[in-house]
Amino acid sequence: MNKLIGSLTSPFVRKVRIVAAEKRIEYEFIVDVPWEATTQVPDYNPLGKVPVWILNDGRPLFDSRVIVEHLDYISPVHPLIPREARPRIAVKRWEALADGLIDAAALVFMERKRPAEQQSAEWMTRQIDKVNRSLAALATDLGKNDWCAENTYTLADIAVGCALGYLDLRFQGEMDWRRGHPGLSELFDRLMERPGFKDTVPIV
């Protein structure tokens, strides 16, 4: 059976779990936190990052964007990435922006875990600015549409939903992304009605 190695709080792991649920792909979920001394993640991914997807033949796939593309390809159920070039690039563009938002937010979270005297307020402000610009861009592109791309539910929505969920997890009460972005708020509420999202709410 396929295996997924990852943590319960990683938004990138969550993206893979949601795609697997939508595609009805079974797998064994192995919880492993890369920051812990006992982690075995580097044994499968030289970059030491999650998620890692272990194929039936034992080969590992890493980087969530690679994994979800593999999952969408191997299962005909509910295609999430268009096959035609133009709509495909549109969906992947949404994913890239959502993933970049997560990267910037995660850098702020990790910086705050350092001793106060070693933290750089200027550097964190730059990352927060990236988050705010990304939110504005996502909201503008979404407009009054129900879904991010192609007027239907795709990987773009999953990626954006995971990014917004990560902000709620790590910056609840601080980054009020819903204020000023009602379209994103409505999208997120719509996504949270789906089993894949309900079943993967991050656990701290």
Protein backbone atom coordinates (compact mmCIF):
# COMPACT_ATOMS: atom_id res chain seq x y z
CA MET A 1 0.00 0.00 0.00
CA ASN A 2 1.10 3.56 -0.64
CA LYS A 3 2.35 5.46 2.38
CA LEU A 4 2.27 9.14 3.27
CA ILE A 5 4.83 10.46 5.73
CA GLY A 6 4.06 13.80 7.31
CA SER A 7 2.96 15.84 10.29
CA LEU A 8 -0.57 16.72 11.35
CA THR A 9 0.05 20.47 11.16
CA SER A 10 1.81 20.81 7.80
CA PRO A 11 -0.45 22.53 5.24
CA PHE A 12 1.48 20.79 2.46
CA VAL A 13 0.75 17.39 4.00
CA ARG A 14 -2.87 18.45 4.37
CA LYS A 15 -3.01 19.30 0.67
CA VAL A 16 -1.87 15.77 -0.21
CA ARG A 17 -4.35 14.20 2.23
CA ILE A 18 -7.24 16.19 0.75
CA VAL A 19 -6.28 15.31 -2.83
CA ALA A 20 -5.98 11.64 -1.89
CA ALA A 21 -9.44 11.80 -0.31
CA GLU A 22 -10.95 13.46 -3.38
CA LYS A 23 -9.29 10.89 -5.64
CA ARG A 24 -10.31 8.01 -3.33
CA ILE A 25 -6.77 6.74 -3.06
CA GLU A 26 -6.00 4.59 -0.04
CA TYR A 27 -2.71 4.91 1.82
CA GLU A 28 -1.09 4.42 5.19
CA PHE A 29 -0.49 7.69 7.02
CA ILE A 30 2.73 7.71 9.05
CA VAL A 31 3.02 10.71 11.36
CA ASP A 32 6.58 11.99 11.52
CA VAL A 33 7.66 15.50 12.54
CA PRO A 34 10.89 16.56 10.75
CA TRP A 35 11.95 18.82 13.64
CA GLU A 36 12.08 15.97 16.17
CA ALA A 37 15.36 14.20 16.91
CA THR A 38 13.87 10.78 16.13
CA THR A 39 12.55 11.76 12.69
CA GLN A 40 13.11 9.35 9.83
CA VAL A 41 12.08 11.82 7.12
CA PRO A 42 15.68 12.38 5.87
CA ASP A 43 15.87 8.63 5.17
CA TYR A 44 13.23 9.15 2.47
CA ASN A 45 13.72 12.78 1.45
CA PRO A 46 17.26 14.19 1.42
CA LEU A 47 15.75 17.65 1.93
CA GLY A 48 14.32 16.52 5.25
CA LYS A 49 10.85 17.87 4.45
CA VAL A 50 7.32 16.52 4.46
CA PRO A 51 5.20 15.35 2.80
CA VAL A 52 6.83 12.23 1.42
CA TRP A 53 4.74 9.75 -0.59
CA ILE A 54 6.09 6.19 -0.73
CA LEU A 55 5.03 4.28 -3.82
CA ASN A 56 4.17 0.60 -3.73
CA ASP A 57 7.62 -0.25 -5.05
CA GLY A 58 9.27 1.71 -2.23
CA ARG A 59 10.32 4.75 -4.26
CA PRO A 60 9.68 8.09 -2.53
CA LEU A 61 8.07 11.14 -4.06
CA PHE A 62 8.54 14.49 -2.34
CA ASP A 63 7.28 18.04 -2.66
CA SER A 64 3.51 18.35 -2.39
CA ARG A 65 3.18 19.73 -5.92
CA VAL A 66 4.82 16.62 -7.37
CA ILE A 67 2.80 14.27 -5.17
CA VAL A 68 -0.62 15.76 -5.92
CA GLU A 69 0.10 15.75 -9.64
CA HIS A 70 0.96 12.05 -9.38
CA LEU A 71 -2.24 11.33 -7.45
CA ASP A 72 -4.37 13.22 -9.93
CA TYR A 73 -2.78 11.31 -12.80
CA ILE A 74 -3.18 7.79 -11.43
CA SER A 75 -6.86 8.05 -10.47
CA PRO A 76 -9.62 8.99 -12.93
CA VAL A 77 -11.91 10.05 -10.09
CA HIS A 78 -12.70 13.79 -10.03
CA PRO A 79 -9.83 15.30 -12.06
CA LEU A 80 -8.33 18.23 -10.16
CA ILE A 81 -5.69 19.41 -12.64
CA PRO A 82 -6.83 20.15 -16.20
CA ARG A 83 -4.99 18.32 -18.97
CA GLU A 84 -5.05 21.19 -21.45
CA ALA A 85 -2.14 23.62 -21.22
CA ARG A 86 -3.87 26.95 -20.55
CA PRO A 87 -6.30 25.87 -17.79
CA ARG A 88 -3.62 23.61 -16.31
CA ILE A 89 -1.19 26.50 -15.94
CA ALA A 90 -3.97 28.61 -14.43
CA VAL A 91 -4.56 26.01 -11.72
CA LYS A 92 -0.85 25.55 -11.05
CA ARG A 93 -0.43 29.32 -10.80
CA TRP A 94 -3.02 29.41 -8.01
CA GLU A 95 -1.19 26.57 -6.29
CA ALA A 96 2.16 28.35 -6.56
CA LEU A 97 0.79 31.53 -4.99
CA ALA A 98 -0.94 29.64 -2.18
CA ASP A 99 2.19 27.62 -1.46
CA GLY A 100 4.30 30.79 -1.47
CA LEU A 101 1.94 32.37 1.06
CA ILE A 102 2.43 29.34 3.29
CA ASP A 103 6.21 29.54 2.94
CA ALA A 104 6.26 33.19 4.03
CA ALA A 105 3.91 32.58 6.95
CA ALA A 106 5.91 29.54 8.08
CA LEU A 107 9.12 31.58 8.09
CA VAL A 108 7.50 34.06 10.46
CA PHE A 109 6.29 31.25 12.71
CA MET A 110 9.75 29.68 12.85
CA GLU A 111 11.49 33.02 13.42
CA ARG A 112 9.29 33.65 16.45
CA LYS A 113 10.48 30.39 17.98
CA ARG A 114 14.02 31.74 18.16
CA PRO A 115 15.22 33.64 21.25
CA ALA A 116 13.79 37.18 21.23
CA GLU A 117 17.23 38.79 20.96
CA GLN A 118 17.96 36.81 17.79
CA GLN A 119 14.74 37.62 15.99
CA SER A 120 14.68 40.13 13.14
CA ALA A 121 11.56 42.31 13.19
CA GLU A 122 12.45 43.75 9.78
CA TRP A 123 12.77 40.31 8.23
CA MET A 124 9.46 39.15 9.73
CA THR A 125 7.74 42.28 8.45
CA ARG A 126 8.95 41.46 4.93
CA GLN A 127 7.41 37.98 5.19
CA ILE A 128 4.14 39.32 6.57
CA ASP A 129 4.02 41.79 3.69
CA LYS A 130 4.32 38.82 1.31
CA VAL A 131 1.40 37.14 3.05
CA ASN A 132 -0.77 40.25 2.82
CA ARG A 133 0.08 40.83 -0.84
CA SER A 134 -0.65 37.19 -1.63
CA LEU A 135 -4.03 37.39 0.12
CA ALA A 136 -4.90 40.50 -1.86
CA ALA A 137 -3.89 38.83 -5.12
CA LEU A 138 -5.89 35.69 -4.33
CA ALA A 139 -8.94 37.76 -3.43
CA THR A 140 -8.67 39.85 -6.60
CA ASP A 141 -8.29 36.82 -8.84
CA LEU A 142 -11.20 35.03 -7.13
CA GLY A 143 -13.51 38.02 -7.44
CA LYS A 144 -17.12 36.95 -7.05
CA ASN A 145 -16.51 33.45 -8.40
CA ASP A 146 -17.44 30.39 -6.38
CA TRP A 147 -14.19 28.60 -7.26
CA CYS A 148 -10.66 29.74 -8.02
CA ALA A 149 -10.22 28.37 -11.54
CA GLU A 150 -12.21 26.96 -14.42
CA ASN A 151 -15.52 27.68 -12.64
CA THR A 152 -15.23 24.35 -10.86
CA TYR A 153 -13.55 22.74 -7.85
CA THR A 154 -9.87 22.05 -8.61
CA LEU A 155 -6.48 21.74 -6.99
CA ALA A 156 -6.39 25.55 -6.94
CA ASP A 157 -9.15 25.60 -4.32
CA ILE A 158 -7.47 22.90 -2.26
CA ALA A 159 -4.17 24.79 -2.23
CA VAL A 160 -5.80 28.09 -1.27
CA GLY A 161 -7.90 26.40 1.41
CA CYS A 162 -4.81 24.83 2.97
CA ALA A 163 -3.05 28.20 2.98
CA LEU A 164 -5.96 29.94 4.68
CA GLY A 165 -6.26 27.10 7.17
CA TYR A 166 -2.58 27.46 8.04
CA LEU A 167 -3.07 31.15 8.83
CA ASP A 168 -5.91 30.19 11.17
CA LEU A 169 -3.70 27.59 12.83
CA ARG A 170 -0.59 29.69 13.43
CA PHE A 171 -1.89 33.29 13.48
CA GLN A 172 -5.41 33.04 14.83
CA GLY A 173 -6.51 36.39 16.26
CA GLU A 174 -3.54 38.13 14.66
CA MET A 175 -3.92 37.82 10.89
CA ASP A 176 -7.61 38.48 10.29
CA TRP A 177 -7.53 37.54 6.62
CA ARG A 178 -11.34 37.37 6.48
CA ARG A 179 -11.68 41.09 7.05
CA GLY A 180 -11.50 42.78 3.71
CA HIS A 181 -11.56 39.47 1.80
CA PRO A 182 -15.18 38.25 1.99
CA GLY A 183 -14.77 36.18 -1.16
CA LEU A 184 -11.93 34.17 0.35
CA SER A 185 -13.93 33.76 3.56
CA GLU A 186 -16.90 32.37 1.64
CA LEU A 187 -14.63 30.07 -0.34
CA PHE A 188 -13.04 28.73 2.83
CA ASP A 189 -16.43 28.10 4.44
CA ARG A 190 -17.51 26.27 1.29
CA LEU A 191 -14.37 24.14 1.35
CA MET A 192 -14.82 23.25 5.01
CA GLU A 193 -18.08 21.53 4.09
CA ARG A 194 -16.14 18.93 2.13
CA PRO A 195 -15.12 15.73 3.98
CA GLY A 196 -11.49 16.03 2.87
CA PHE A 197 -11.18 19.38 4.61
CA LYS A 198 -13.23 18.42 7.66
CA ASP A 199 -11.16 15.30 8.28
CA THR A 200 -7.79 17.07 8.04
CA VAL A 201 -8.22 20.09 10.32
CA PRO A 202 -4.72 20.61 11.79
CA ILE A 203 -4.11 19.28 15.29
CA VAL A 204 -1.65 21.19 17.48
